[in-house]
């Protein structure tokens, strides 16, 4: 199972991943950076914990994303295309 995490472009956290995001969601004139994650843990009240595969595929990156930096989380099956609207 993969997760698409859509980030809030106005959040300070998003500046860290804006240029290195996996995909973007376009909505009108707005562009939302998105991360593709292999795991997501939504149990913490202040942040979302995700694991993201590295480009080399040898390891993963673990990230704690503050809730204020998240617009949406989409869960999709492995090998399924990105939801409509993603570039």
Protein backbone atom coordinates (compact mmCIF):
# COMPACT_ATOMS: atom_id res chain seq x y z
CA UNK A 1 0.00 0.00 0.00
CA UNK A 2 1.30 3.47 -0.86
CA UNK A 3 0.26 6.83 0.51
CA UNK A 4 0.19 10.19 -1.25
CA UNK A 5 0.73 12.95 1.28
CA UNK A 6 -0.35 16.35 -0.05
CA UNK A 7 1.55 19.15 1.69
CA UNK A 8 0.31 22.64 2.53
CA UNK A 9 2.39 25.07 0.42
CA UNK A 10 1.99 27.80 3.08
CA UNK A 11 3.54 25.68 5.88
CA UNK A 12 7.17 26.24 6.84
CA UNK A 13 7.78 22.45 6.83
CA UNK A 14 6.84 22.25 3.15
CA UNK A 15 9.79 24.45 2.17
CA UNK A 16 12.07 21.50 3.02
CA UNK A 17 10.44 19.27 0.40
CA UNK A 18 9.07 21.73 -2.15
CA UNK A 19 11.86 21.17 -4.69
CA UNK A 20 12.33 17.48 -3.85
CA UNK A 21 8.72 16.32 -3.83
CA UNK A 22 7.68 13.21 -5.74
CA UNK A 23 4.69 14.74 -7.53
CA UNK A 24 2.50 17.85 -7.52
CA UNK A 25 -1.23 18.35 -7.30
CA UNK A 26 -2.52 21.25 -9.39
CA UNK A 27 -5.74 22.95 -8.32
CA UNK A 28 -6.38 26.10 -10.30
CA UNK A 29 -3.37 28.37 -9.85
CA UNK A 30 -2.22 26.56 -6.72
CA UNK A 31 0.42 23.81 -6.73
CA UNK A 32 0.68 21.37 -3.82
CA UNK A 33 3.87 19.33 -3.29
CA UNK A 34 3.20 15.62 -2.69
CA UNK A 35 5.25 12.84 -1.16
CA UNK A 36 4.83 9.16 -2.03
CA UNK A 37 5.24 7.12 1.14
CA UNK A 38 5.33 3.38 1.70
CA UNK A 39 4.01 3.58 5.27
CA UNK A 40 1.97 6.07 7.29
CA UNK A 41 1.20 6.08 11.01
CA UNK A 42 -1.58 8.49 11.99
CA UNK A 43 -1.70 7.67 15.71
CA UNK A 44 0.21 10.70 17.03
CA UNK A 45 -1.85 13.82 17.89
CA UNK A 46 0.73 16.32 16.57
CA UNK A 47 2.33 14.76 13.52
CA UNK A 48 2.04 12.11 10.81
CA UNK A 49 4.90 9.59 10.76
CA UNK A 50 5.76 8.32 7.26
CA UNK A 51 8.42 6.21 5.60
CA UNK A 52 9.46 7.22 2.13
CA UNK A 53 11.61 5.08 -0.19
CA UNK A 54 14.82 6.71 -1.38
CA UNK A 55 15.40 7.23 -5.08
CA UNK A 56 18.14 4.59 -5.04
CA UNK A 57 15.76 2.06 -3.48
CA UNK A 58 18.32 0.88 -0.93
CA UNK A 59 16.75 2.33 2.18
CA UNK A 60 14.01 4.69 3.32
CA UNK A 61 13.57 8.12 4.83
CA UNK A 62 11.52 8.44 8.03
CA UNK A 63 9.71 11.77 8.41
CA UNK A 64 7.52 13.31 11.12
CA UNK A 65 5.20 15.77 9.36
CA UNK A 66 3.27 18.27 11.51
CA UNK A 67 -0.50 18.08 10.96
CA UNK A 68 -0.56 21.78 10.00
CA UNK A 69 1.66 20.97 7.00
CA UNK A 70 -0.74 18.36 5.58
CA UNK A 71 -3.67 19.03 3.26
CA UNK A 72 -4.66 15.40 2.59
CA UNK A 73 -3.48 11.79 2.68
CA UNK A 74 -4.57 9.38 -0.09
CA UNK A 75 -4.13 5.63 0.29
CA UNK A 76 -3.69 3.71 -2.95
CA UNK A 77 -2.82 0.15 -3.85
CA UNK A 78 0.63 -0.81 -5.08
CA UNK A 79 1.04 -0.16 -8.78
CA UNK A 80 -2.14 1.92 -9.06
CA UNK A 81 -1.85 5.24 -10.88
CA UNK A 82 -1.90 8.53 -8.98
CA UNK A 83 -5.36 9.97 -8.31
CA UNK A 84 -6.75 12.39 -10.90
CA UNK A 85 -5.16 15.83 -10.70
CA UNK A 86 -1.65 14.68 -9.84
CA UNK A 87 1.17 15.54 -12.22
